């Protein structure tokens, strides 16, 4: 069996390399390495490009293969297990024939939600100039507006030499995250991704 995940983000070739590397590091630390095969990762540019690539791969997949789409939910999710319902409402995407909800892995509401959840990694990476109080509270994190989460993260790191910027430095931080950090591992969308991959790989 093979597994392939199509990821939203990274328009340039260089950014696509950073995207794959960041998520490969994160999944590796979560245990998906030698004992649990690392899925193939493709960084696809915008969310529509990721969906298009996923559809092509889904139509051509072999029985037993796991083809998945990893995208920001963009908005809060009513039911994390009904991913195609959310994408139909949010993006008017139709579920491809034969696809199921476990083939969609949502970052709710955005990748930055996962990043701000791991405060210890942020402290280690950004150092004493990190303005932790500017970060969004950890409670109800997945229901926060994605723009607010991103802006607070950028504001909290603005005085750091490696200030957060989407695309340029975002995937580096993803690769540093600790998948066992309590506030990250307990996020429903992150927990679901790990549990789904453990089941499929």
N, C-alpha and C. Protein backbone atom coordinates (compact mmCIF):
# COMPACT_ATOMS: atom_id res chain seq x y z
N UNK A 1 0.83 -1.19 0.00
CA UNK A 1 0.00 0.00 0.00
C UNK A 1 0.87 1.25 0.00
N UNK A 2 0.47 2.26 -0.74
CA UNK A 2 1.18 3.53 -0.74
C UNK A 2 0.25 4.62 -0.21
N UNK A 3 0.84 5.69 0.29
CA UNK A 3 0.08 6.82 0.81
C UNK A 3 0.64 8.11 0.25
N UNK A 4 -0.25 9.03 -0.10
CA UNK A 4 0.17 10.28 -0.72
C UNK A 4 -0.74 11.39 -0.19
N UNK A 5 -0.12 12.44 0.35
CA UNK A 5 -0.88 13.57 0.89
C UNK A 5 -0.60 14.81 0.05
N UNK A 6 -1.66 15.46 -0.40
CA UNK A 6 -1.57 16.69 -1.19
C UNK A 6 -1.85 17.86 -0.27
N UNK A 7 -0.87 18.78 -0.15
CA UNK A 7 -0.90 19.83 0.85
C UNK A 7 -1.11 21.20 0.22
N UNK A 8 -1.99 21.96 0.82
CA UNK A 8 -2.20 23.34 0.41
C UNK A 8 -1.01 24.20 0.81
N UNK A 9 -0.67 25.18 -0.01
CA UNK A 9 0.38 26.13 0.33
C UNK A 9 1.59 26.02 -0.56
N UNK A 10 2.47 27.02 -0.48
CA UNK A 10 3.75 27.00 -1.18
C UNK A 10 3.60 27.15 -2.68
N UNK A 11 3.63 28.39 -3.14
CA UNK A 11 3.48 28.66 -4.57
C UNK A 11 4.77 28.41 -5.35
N UNK A 12 5.92 28.85 -4.81
CA UNK A 12 7.18 28.73 -5.53
C UNK A 12 7.80 27.34 -5.32
N UNK A 13 8.73 26.99 -6.19
CA UNK A 13 9.43 25.71 -6.06
C UNK A 13 10.17 25.63 -4.74
N UNK A 14 10.82 26.72 -4.36
CA UNK A 14 11.58 26.76 -3.12
C UNK A 14 10.65 26.57 -1.92
N UNK A 15 9.50 27.25 -1.95
CA UNK A 15 8.54 27.13 -0.85
C UNK A 15 7.96 25.72 -0.79
N UNK A 16 7.78 25.08 -1.93
CA UNK A 16 7.25 23.73 -1.96
C UNK A 16 8.22 22.75 -1.30
N UNK A 17 9.51 22.96 -1.52
CA UNK A 17 10.53 22.14 -0.86
C UNK A 17 10.44 22.33 0.64
N UNK A 18 10.33 23.59 1.09
CA UNK A 18 10.24 23.88 2.53
C UNK A 18 8.97 23.29 3.13
N UNK A 19 7.88 23.34 2.38
CA UNK A 19 6.61 22.79 2.85
C UNK A 19 6.73 21.29 3.07
N UNK A 20 7.23 20.58 2.09
CA UNK A 20 7.38 19.12 2.22
C UNK A 20 8.30 18.78 3.38
N UNK A 21 9.40 19.51 3.50
CA UNK A 21 10.37 19.23 4.55
C UNK A 21 9.78 19.49 5.93
N UNK A 22 9.02 20.58 6.07
CA UNK A 22 8.41 20.90 7.36
C UNK A 22 7.42 19.85 7.82
N UNK A 23 6.55 19.43 6.93
CA UNK A 23 5.57 18.41 7.31
C UNK A 23 6.21 17.04 7.46
N UNK A 24 7.26 16.76 6.69
CA UNK A 24 7.97 15.49 6.84
C UNK A 24 8.60 15.40 8.24
N UNK A 25 9.19 16.50 8.69
CA UNK A 25 9.78 16.52 10.02
C UNK A 25 8.72 16.34 11.10
N UNK A 26 7.60 17.03 10.95
CA UNK A 26 6.51 16.93 11.93
C UNK A 26 5.98 15.50 12.01
N UNK A 27 5.72 14.89 10.86
CA UNK A 27 5.20 13.53 10.84
C UNK A 27 6.24 12.53 11.33
N UNK A 28 7.51 12.79 11.03
CA UNK A 28 8.56 11.92 11.50
C UNK A 28 8.62 11.89 13.02
N UNK A 29 8.48 13.07 13.63
CA UNK A 29 8.50 13.13 15.09
C UNK A 29 7.26 12.49 15.70
N UNK A 30 6.18 12.40 14.91
CA UNK A 30 4.95 11.76 15.39
C UNK A 30 5.01 10.24 15.22
N UNK A 31 6.11 9.72 14.67
CA UNK A 31 6.30 8.28 14.57
C UNK A 31 6.15 7.70 13.18
N UNK A 32 5.91 8.54 12.17
CA UNK A 32 5.72 8.02 10.82
C UNK A 32 7.05 8.02 10.07
N UNK A 33 7.89 7.06 10.43
CA UNK A 33 9.20 6.99 9.80
C UNK A 33 9.44 5.57 9.31
N UNK A 34 10.36 4.85 9.93
CA UNK A 34 10.67 3.50 9.47
C UNK A 34 9.57 2.51 9.84
N UNK A 35 9.12 2.57 11.09
CA UNK A 35 8.12 1.60 11.53
C UNK A 35 6.75 1.88 10.92
N UNK A 36 6.45 3.15 10.72
CA UNK A 36 5.21 3.53 10.05
C UNK A 36 5.63 4.34 8.83
N UNK A 37 5.41 3.81 7.67
CA UNK A 37 5.95 4.43 6.47
C UNK A 37 5.52 5.88 6.30
N UNK A 38 6.50 6.69 6.00
CA UNK A 38 6.23 8.10 5.74
C UNK A 38 5.45 8.24 4.44
N UNK A 39 4.30 8.92 4.46
CA UNK A 39 3.57 9.10 3.21
C UNK A 39 4.32 10.03 2.27
N UNK A 40 4.09 9.89 1.00
CA UNK A 40 4.63 10.83 0.03
C UNK A 40 3.89 12.15 0.20
N UNK A 41 4.62 13.25 0.18
CA UNK A 41 4.01 14.57 0.39
C UNK A 41 4.20 15.42 -0.86
N UNK A 42 3.11 16.07 -1.30
CA UNK A 42 3.18 17.00 -2.43
C UNK A 42 2.64 18.35 -2.00
N UNK A 43 3.45 19.39 -2.15
CA UNK A 43 3.00 20.76 -1.89
C UNK A 43 2.44 21.31 -3.20
N UNK A 44 1.21 21.78 -3.15
CA UNK A 44 0.47 22.01 -4.40
C UNK A 44 0.13 23.46 -4.71
N UNK A 45 0.67 24.42 -3.98
CA UNK A 45 0.26 25.79 -4.23
C UNK A 45 -1.02 26.10 -3.49
N UNK A 46 -1.94 26.83 -4.13
CA UNK A 46 -3.19 27.22 -3.49
C UNK A 46 -4.10 26.05 -3.20
N UNK A 47 -5.15 26.32 -2.43
CA UNK A 47 -6.06 25.24 -2.02
C UNK A 47 -6.79 24.63 -3.22
N UNK A 48 -7.12 25.43 -4.21
CA UNK A 48 -7.80 24.88 -5.38
C UNK A 48 -6.86 23.96 -6.17
N UNK A 49 -5.59 24.32 -6.23
CA UNK A 49 -4.61 23.47 -6.91
C UNK A 49 -4.45 22.15 -6.16
N UNK A 50 -4.45 22.23 -4.82
CA UNK A 50 -4.33 21.01 -4.02
C UNK A 50 -5.53 20.10 -4.25
N UNK A 51 -6.71 20.70 -4.31
CA UNK A 51 -7.92 19.91 -4.55
C UNK A 51 -7.88 19.27 -5.93
N UNK A 52 -7.45 20.04 -6.93
CA UNK A 52 -7.37 19.49 -8.29
C UNK A 52 -6.39 18.33 -8.36
N UNK A 53 -5.23 18.47 -7.72
CA UNK A 53 -4.23 17.40 -7.72
C UNK A 53 -4.76 16.17 -6.99
N UNK A 54 -5.46 16.41 -5.88
CA UNK A 54 -6.04 15.31 -5.12
C UNK A 54 -7.05 14.54 -5.99
N UNK A 55 -7.90 15.26 -6.71
CA UNK A 55 -8.94 14.60 -7.52
C UNK A 55 -8.31 13.71 -8.58
N UNK A 56 -7.27 14.19 -9.23
CA UNK A 56 -6.60 13.40 -10.26
C UNK A 56 -6.01 12.13 -9.64
N UNK A 57 -5.34 12.30 -8.49
CA UNK A 57 -4.72 11.15 -7.82
C UNK A 57 -5.77 10.16 -7.32
N UNK A 58 -6.88 10.68 -6.80
CA UNK A 58 -7.94 9.81 -6.29
C UNK A 58 -8.54 8.96 -7.40
N UNK A 59 -8.73 9.55 -8.55
CA UNK A 59 -9.32 8.81 -9.67
C UNK A 59 -8.39 7.71 -10.17
N UNK A 60 -7.09 7.92 -10.01
CA UNK A 60 -6.14 6.94 -10.54
C UNK A 60 -5.52 6.04 -9.49
N UNK A 61 -6.03 6.11 -8.26
CA UNK A 61 -5.38 5.34 -7.18
C UNK A 61 -5.67 3.85 -7.30
N UNK A 62 -4.75 3.07 -6.78
CA UNK A 62 -4.90 1.63 -6.78
C UNK A 62 -5.65 1.20 -5.52
N UNK A 63 -6.37 0.07 -5.56
CA UNK A 63 -7.07 -0.41 -4.36
C UNK A 63 -6.12 -0.54 -3.18
N UNK A 64 -6.53 -0.01 -2.05
CA UNK A 64 -5.71 -0.07 -0.85
C UNK A 64 -4.82 1.13 -0.63
N UNK A 65 -4.62 1.94 -1.68
CA UNK A 65 -3.81 3.14 -1.52
C UNK A 65 -4.58 4.19 -0.72
N UNK A 66 -3.83 5.03 -0.02
CA UNK A 66 -4.46 6.11 0.75
C UNK A 66 -4.04 7.44 0.13
N UNK A 67 -5.01 8.13 -0.43
CA UNK A 67 -4.79 9.44 -1.04
C UNK A 67 -5.51 10.47 -0.17
N UNK A 68 -4.80 11.51 0.28
CA UNK A 68 -5.41 12.47 1.20
C UNK A 68 -5.13 13.90 0.79
N UNK A 69 -5.98 14.79 1.27
CA UNK A 69 -5.89 16.22 1.02
C UNK A 69 -5.72 16.91 2.37
N UNK A 70 -4.67 17.72 2.52
CA UNK A 70 -4.41 18.46 3.76
C UNK A 70 -4.52 19.96 3.45
N UNK A 71 -5.59 20.58 3.96
CA UNK A 71 -5.84 21.99 3.68
C UNK A 71 -6.33 22.70 4.95
N UNK A 72 -6.19 24.02 4.95
CA UNK A 72 -6.80 24.82 6.01
C UNK A 72 -8.31 24.69 5.91
N UNK A 73 -8.99 24.67 7.06
CA UNK A 73 -10.46 24.67 7.00
C UNK A 73 -10.96 26.06 6.66
N UNK A 74 -10.14 27.09 6.90
CA UNK A 74 -10.46 28.49 6.64
C UNK A 74 -11.48 29.05 7.64
N UNK A 75 -12.49 28.28 7.95
CA UNK A 75 -13.53 28.66 8.92
C UNK A 75 -13.66 27.56 9.96
N UNK A 76 -14.26 27.88 11.12
CA UNK A 76 -14.51 26.83 12.11
C UNK A 76 -15.33 25.69 11.50
N UNK A 77 -15.10 24.48 11.99
CA UNK A 77 -15.74 23.28 11.44
C UNK A 77 -16.82 22.79 12.38
N UNK A 78 -18.02 22.59 11.85
CA UNK A 78 -19.14 22.14 12.67
C UNK A 78 -18.92 20.73 13.19
N UNK A 79 -18.42 19.84 12.33
CA UNK A 79 -18.16 18.45 12.70
C UNK A 79 -16.87 18.02 12.02
N UNK A 80 -15.80 17.84 12.78
CA UNK A 80 -14.48 17.54 12.22
C UNK A 80 -14.47 16.22 11.46
N UNK A 81 -15.46 15.36 11.70
CA UNK A 81 -15.53 14.08 11.00
C UNK A 81 -16.27 14.18 9.67
N UNK A 82 -16.95 15.30 9.44
CA UNK A 82 -17.70 15.50 8.19
C UNK A 82 -16.99 16.55 7.34
N UNK A 83 -15.81 16.16 6.89
CA UNK A 83 -14.94 17.11 6.21
C UNK A 83 -15.47 17.54 4.85
N UNK A 84 -16.04 16.61 4.10
CA UNK A 84 -16.55 16.98 2.78
C UNK A 84 -17.76 17.91 2.89
N UNK A 85 -18.58 17.74 3.93
CA UNK A 85 -19.69 18.67 4.16
C UNK A 85 -19.16 20.08 4.37
N UNK A 86 -18.09 20.19 5.14
CA UNK A 86 -17.50 21.51 5.40
C UNK A 86 -16.97 22.13 4.11
N UNK A 87 -16.25 21.33 3.32
CA UNK A 87 -15.67 21.87 2.09
C UNK A 87 -16.73 22.21 1.05
N UNK A 88 -17.85 21.52 1.08
CA UNK A 88 -18.95 21.86 0.17
C UNK A 88 -19.53 23.22 0.55
N UNK A 89 -19.72 23.44 1.84
CA UNK A 89 -20.27 24.71 2.30
C UNK A 89 -19.26 25.84 2.11
N UNK A 90 -18.01 25.58 2.47
CA UNK A 90 -16.98 26.64 2.47
C UNK A 90 -16.48 26.96 1.07
N UNK A 91 -16.22 25.94 0.25
CA UNK A 91 -15.58 26.14 -1.05
C UNK A 91 -16.42 25.68 -2.24
N UNK A 92 -17.57 25.10 -1.94
CA UNK A 92 -18.42 24.51 -2.98
C UNK A 92 -17.70 23.40 -3.74
N UNK A 93 -16.88 22.65 -2.99
CA UNK A 93 -16.19 21.50 -3.58
C UNK A 93 -17.07 20.26 -3.45
N UNK A 94 -17.22 19.57 -4.54
CA UNK A 94 -17.98 18.32 -4.52
C UNK A 94 -17.07 17.14 -4.21
N UNK A 95 -17.52 16.27 -3.34
CA UNK A 95 -16.74 15.09 -3.01
C UNK A 95 -16.60 14.20 -4.24
N UNK A 96 -15.38 13.85 -4.61
CA UNK A 96 -15.20 12.94 -5.76
C UNK A 96 -15.87 11.59 -5.49
N UNK A 97 -16.32 10.97 -6.54
CA UNK A 97 -16.98 9.68 -6.40
C UNK A 97 -16.03 8.68 -5.74
N UNK A 98 -16.53 8.02 -4.71
CA UNK A 98 -15.75 7.01 -4.02
C UNK A 98 -14.87 7.54 -2.90
N UNK A 99 -14.78 8.86 -2.75
CA UNK A 99 -13.95 9.45 -1.69
C UNK A 99 -14.69 9.38 -0.36
N UNK A 100 -13.94 9.45 0.74
CA UNK A 100 -14.56 9.44 2.05
C UNK A 100 -13.95 10.54 2.93
N UNK A 101 -14.57 10.77 4.07
CA UNK A 101 -14.17 11.89 4.93
C UNK A 101 -12.77 11.74 5.50
N UNK A 102 -12.28 10.52 5.63
CA UNK A 102 -10.93 10.33 6.17
C UNK A 102 -9.84 10.72 5.17
N UNK A 103 -10.23 11.02 3.94
CA UNK A 103 -9.26 11.46 2.95
C UNK A 103 -9.02 12.96 3.00
N UNK A 104 -9.76 13.66 3.85
CA UNK A 104 -9.56 15.10 4.03
C UNK A 104 -9.06 15.34 5.45
N UNK A 105 -7.88 15.95 5.54
CA UNK A 105 -7.29 16.31 6.82
C UNK A 105 -7.29 17.83 6.89
N UNK A 106 -8.02 18.37 7.85
CA UNK A 106 -8.18 19.83 7.93
C UNK A 106 -7.29 20.42 9.02
N UNK A 107 -6.64 21.53 8.68
CA UNK A 107 -5.96 22.34 9.69
C UNK A 107 -6.95 23.42 10.10
N UNK A 108 -7.50 23.29 11.28
CA UNK A 108 -8.60 24.16 11.70
C UNK A 108 -8.09 25.22 12.67
N UNK A 109 -8.35 26.51 12.31
CA UNK A 109 -8.86 26.96 11.04
C UNK A 109 -7.76 27.18 9.99
N UNK A 110 -6.50 27.14 10.48
CA UNK A 110 -5.38 27.34 9.58
C UNK A 110 -4.13 26.70 10.18
N UNK A 111 -3.08 26.64 9.39
CA UNK A 111 -1.83 26.05 9.87
C UNK A 111 -1.29 26.79 11.08
N UNK A 112 -1.50 28.10 11.12
CA UNK A 112 -1.01 28.91 12.24
C UNK A 112 -1.68 28.53 13.55
N UNK A 113 -2.89 27.97 13.50
CA UNK A 113 -3.54 27.49 14.72
C UNK A 113 -2.69 26.41 15.37
N UNK A 114 -2.18 25.49 14.57
CA UNK A 114 -1.32 24.43 15.10
C UNK A 114 -0.04 25.02 15.67
N UNK A 115 0.50 26.03 14.99
CA UNK A 115 1.76 26.63 15.43
C UNK A 115 1.60 27.33 16.77
N UNK A 116 0.56 28.15 16.93
CA UNK A 116 0.41 28.91 18.18
C UNK A 116 0.03 28.00 19.34
N UNK A 117 -0.41 26.78 19.06
CA UNK A 117 -0.78 25.85 20.13
C UNK A 117 0.45 25.33 20.87
N UNK A 118 1.59 25.28 20.19
CA UNK A 118 2.80 24.72 20.80
C UNK A 118 3.66 25.87 21.35
N UNK A 119 3.31 26.35 22.53
CA UNK A 119 3.96 27.52 23.10
C UNK A 119 5.43 27.25 23.45
N UNK A 120 5.73 26.05 23.90
CA UNK A 120 7.11 25.75 24.29
C UNK A 120 8.06 25.84 23.09
N UNK A 121 7.62 25.30 21.95
CA UNK A 121 8.44 25.39 20.75
C UNK A 121 8.61 26.83 20.32
N UNK A 122 7.55 27.63 20.42
CA UNK A 122 7.64 29.05 20.05
C UNK A 122 8.64 29.76 20.95
N UNK A 123 8.63 29.45 22.24
CA UNK A 123 9.58 30.09 23.17
C UNK A 123 11.02 29.72 22.80
N UNK A 124 11.22 28.44 22.49
CA UNK A 124 12.57 27.98 22.15
C UNK A 124 13.04 28.60 20.83
N UNK A 125 12.15 28.70 19.87
CA UNK A 125 12.53 29.17 18.54
C UNK A 125 12.71 30.69 18.48
N UNK A 126 11.82 31.42 19.14
CA UNK A 126 11.85 32.89 19.03
C UNK A 126 12.60 33.58 20.16
N UNK A 127 12.80 32.87 21.27
CA UNK A 127 13.58 33.45 22.34
C UNK A 127 12.86 34.51 23.15
N UNK A 128 13.64 35.33 23.87
CA UNK A 128 13.07 36.24 24.86
C UNK A 128 12.28 37.40 24.25
N UNK A 129 12.46 37.64 22.94
CA UNK A 129 11.72 38.73 22.31
C UNK A 129 10.31 38.34 21.88
N UNK A 130 9.98 37.07 22.04
CA UNK A 130 8.61 36.63 21.75
C UNK A 130 7.65 37.28 22.75
N UNK A 131 6.63 37.94 22.25
CA UNK A 131 5.62 38.55 23.11
C UNK A 131 4.46 37.57 23.25
N UNK A 132 4.64 36.64 24.17
CA UNK A 132 3.69 35.54 24.30
C UNK A 132 2.27 36.03 24.62
N UNK A 133 2.17 37.12 25.34
CA UNK A 133 0.84 37.64 25.71
C UNK A 133 0.06 38.12 24.49
N UNK A 134 0.74 38.37 23.39
CA UNK A 134 0.06 38.80 22.17
C UNK A 134 -0.54 37.64 21.39
N UNK A 135 -0.14 36.41 21.75
CA UNK A 135 -0.69 35.23 21.06
C UNK A 135 -2.14 35.00 21.48
N UNK A 136 -2.94 34.36 20.64
CA UNK A 136 -4.33 34.08 21.02
C UNK A 136 -4.40 33.09 22.17
N UNK A 137 -5.38 33.22 23.05
CA UNK A 137 -5.54 32.25 24.15
C UNK A 137 -5.71 30.84 23.60
N UNK A 138 -5.28 29.85 24.37
CA UNK A 138 -5.35 28.46 23.93
C UNK A 138 -6.76 27.90 23.97
N UNK A 139 -7.61 28.46 24.80
CA UNK A 139 -8.98 27.94 24.88
C UNK A 139 -9.76 28.30 23.61
N UNK A 140 -10.52 27.35 23.14
CA UNK A 140 -11.38 27.56 21.96
C UNK A 140 -10.58 27.98 20.72
N UNK A 141 -9.37 27.50 20.62
CA UNK A 141 -8.43 27.97 19.59
C UNK A 141 -8.92 27.68 18.18
N UNK A 142 -9.54 26.54 17.97
CA UNK A 142 -9.94 26.17 16.61
C UNK A 142 -11.18 26.91 16.12
N UNK A 143 -11.78 27.69 16.97
CA UNK A 143 -12.94 28.49 16.55
C UNK A 143 -12.56 29.94 16.28
N UNK A 144 -11.28 30.25 16.37
CA UNK A 144 -10.84 31.62 16.15
C UNK A 144 -10.65 31.91 14.66
N UNK A 145 -10.93 33.15 14.29
CA UNK A 145 -10.76 33.59 12.91
C UNK A 145 -9.33 33.40 12.46
N UNK A 146 -9.13 32.83 11.28
CA UNK A 146 -7.79 32.52 10.81
C UNK A 146 -6.93 33.77 10.65
N UNK A 147 -7.54 34.88 10.23
CA UNK A 147 -6.78 36.11 10.07
C UNK A 147 -6.29 36.62 11.42
N UNK A 148 -7.14 36.49 12.43
CA UNK A 148 -6.76 36.93 13.78
C UNK A 148 -5.60 36.09 14.31
N UNK A 149 -5.66 34.78 14.09
CA UNK A 149 -4.59 33.89 14.56
C UNK A 149 -3.28 34.26 13.89
N UNK A 150 -3.31 34.44 12.58
CA UNK A 150 -2.09 34.78 11.84
C UNK A 150 -1.54 36.13 12.27
N UNK A 151 -2.41 37.13 12.38
CA UNK A 151 -1.97 38.48 12.75
C UNK A 151 -1.38 38.51 14.16
N UNK A 152 -1.97 37.75 15.08
CA UNK A 152 -1.44 37.71 16.44
C UNK A 152 -0.07 37.03 16.49
N UNK A 153 0.10 36.00 15.70
CA UNK A 153 1.40 35.32 15.65
C UNK A 153 2.46 36.25 15.07
N UNK A 154 2.11 36.93 13.99
CA UNK A 154 3.06 37.87 13.38
C UNK A 154 3.39 39.01 14.36
N UNK A 155 2.38 39.50 15.07
CA UNK A 155 2.59 40.60 16.03
C UNK A 155 3.47 40.14 17.19
N UNK A 156 3.22 38.93 17.67
CA UNK A 156 3.97 38.42 18.83
C UNK A 156 5.45 38.21 18.52
N UNK A 157 5.79 38.02 17.24
CA UNK A 157 7.18 37.75 16.85
C UNK A 157 7.83 38.91 16.11
N UNK A 158 7.15 40.05 16.04
CA UNK A 158 7.60 41.14 15.17
C UNK A 158 8.97 41.69 15.56
N UNK A 159 9.34 41.59 16.83
CA UNK A 159 10.63 42.10 17.28
C UNK A 159 11.73 41.04 17.25
N UNK A 160 11.41 39.85 16.81
CA UNK A 160 12.39 38.76 16.72
C UNK A 160 13.13 38.84 15.39
N UNK A 161 14.39 38.44 15.40
CA UNK A 161 15.17 38.48 14.16
C UNK A 161 14.61 37.54 13.10
N UNK A 162 13.91 36.51 13.55
CA UNK A 162 13.30 35.54 12.64
C UNK A 162 11.78 35.64 12.69
N UNK A 163 11.26 36.87 12.67
CA UNK A 163 9.82 37.13 12.80
C UNK A 163 9.02 36.24 11.85
N UNK A 164 7.86 35.80 12.32
CA UNK A 164 7.04 34.87 11.54
C UNK A 164 6.52 35.54 10.28
N UNK A 165 6.61 34.83 9.18
CA UNK A 165 6.01 35.28 7.93
C UNK A 165 5.48 34.06 7.20
N UNK A 166 4.30 34.17 6.68
CA UNK A 166 3.66 33.04 6.01
C UNK A 166 4.42 32.70 4.74
N UNK A 167 4.72 31.43 4.57
CA UNK A 167 5.44 31.00 3.37
C UNK A 167 6.93 31.00 3.58
N UNK A 168 7.50 32.18 3.89
CA UNK A 168 8.95 32.28 4.00
C UNK A 168 9.49 31.50 5.19
N UNK A 169 8.84 31.62 6.35
CA UNK A 169 9.35 30.95 7.55
C UNK A 169 8.35 29.99 8.17
N UNK A 170 7.13 29.96 7.66
CA UNK A 170 6.08 29.18 8.31
C UNK A 170 6.37 27.68 8.34
N UNK A 171 6.88 27.13 7.24
CA UNK A 171 7.10 25.68 7.19
C UNK A 171 8.28 25.25 8.05
N UNK A 172 9.24 26.17 8.23
CA UNK A 172 10.35 25.89 9.15
C UNK A 172 9.81 25.66 10.56
N UNK A 173 8.86 26.52 10.97
CA UNK A 173 8.30 26.40 12.31
C UNK A 173 7.47 25.12 12.43
N UNK A 174 6.74 24.77 11.38
CA UNK A 174 5.97 23.52 11.39
C UNK A 174 6.89 22.33 11.67
N UNK A 175 8.06 22.33 11.06
CA UNK A 175 9.00 21.24 11.26
C UNK A 175 9.58 21.16 12.66
N UNK A 176 9.47 22.25 13.40
CA UNK A 176 9.98 22.29 14.77
C UNK A 176 8.94 21.87 15.80
N UNK A 177 7.68 21.85 15.41
CA UNK A 177 6.60 21.56 16.37
C UNK A 177 6.76 20.20 17.01
N UNK A 178 6.32 20.13 18.26
CA UNK A 178 6.32 18.87 19.01
C UNK A 178 4.92 18.27 18.94
N UNK A 179 4.74 17.17 18.19
CA UNK A 179 3.39 16.61 18.03
C UNK A 179 2.80 16.08 19.34
N UNK A 180 3.63 15.97 20.38
CA UNK A 180 3.15 15.49 21.67
C UNK A 180 2.91 16.63 22.67
N UNK A 181 3.13 17.86 22.24
CA UNK A 181 2.83 19.00 23.11
C UNK A 181 1.33 18.97 23.45
N UNK A 182 0.97 19.02 24.72
CA UNK A 182 -0.44 18.83 25.11
C UNK A 182 -1.43 19.73 24.37
N UNK A 183 -1.10 21.02 24.24
CA UNK A 183 -2.05 21.95 23.61
C UNK A 183 -2.19 21.73 22.12
N UNK A 184 -1.16 21.12 21.50
CA UNK A 184 -1.25 20.79 20.07
C UNK A 184 -1.89 19.43 19.87
N UNK A 185 -1.42 18.44 20.59
CA UNK A 185 -1.92 17.08 20.39
C UNK A 185 -3.40 16.94 20.75
N UNK A 186 -3.92 17.86 21.56
CA UNK A 186 -5.32 17.78 21.95
C UNK A 186 -6.25 18.56 21.01
N UNK A 187 -5.67 19.32 20.08
CA UNK A 187 -6.52 20.02 19.11
C UNK A 187 -7.26 18.97 18.26
N UNK A 188 -8.58 19.06 18.14
CA UNK A 188 -9.32 18.04 17.40
C UNK A 188 -8.81 17.79 15.98
N UNK A 189 -8.46 18.84 15.26
CA UNK A 189 -8.02 18.64 13.87
C UNK A 189 -6.66 17.96 13.81
N UNK A 190 -5.75 18.32 14.70
CA UNK A 190 -4.43 17.69 14.71
C UNK A 190 -4.53 16.25 15.19
N UNK A 191 -5.29 16.04 16.25
CA UNK A 191 -5.47 14.70 16.79
C UNK A 191 -6.09 13.78 15.74
N UNK A 192 -7.05 14.29 15.00
CA UNK A 192 -7.71 13.49 13.96
C UNK A 192 -6.72 13.11 12.86
N UNK A 193 -5.85 14.07 12.46
CA UNK A 193 -4.87 13.75 11.43
C UNK A 193 -3.96 12.61 11.88
N UNK A 194 -3.43 12.69 13.09
CA UNK A 194 -2.53 11.67 13.58
C UNK A 194 -3.24 10.32 13.69
N UNK A 195 -4.44 10.32 14.23
CA UNK A 195 -5.18 9.07 14.38
C UNK A 195 -5.53 8.47 13.03
N UNK A 196 -5.89 9.31 12.06
CA UNK A 196 -6.22 8.81 10.72
C UNK A 196 -5.00 8.19 10.06
N UNK A 197 -3.86 8.85 10.16
CA UNK A 197 -2.65 8.32 9.54
C UNK A 197 -2.20 7.03 10.24
N UNK A 198 -2.34 6.97 11.55
CA UNK A 198 -1.99 5.75 12.27
C UNK A 198 -2.87 4.58 11.82
N UNK A 199 -4.11 4.88 11.50
CA UNK A 199 -5.04 3.85 11.03
C UNK A 199 -4.74 3.41 9.60
N UNK A 200 -4.30 4.37 8.78
CA UNK A 200 -4.14 4.09 7.36
C UNK A 200 -2.75 3.57 6.98
N UNK A 201 -1.74 3.93 7.77
CA UNK A 201 -0.38 3.57 7.36
C UNK A 201 0.07 2.29 8.07
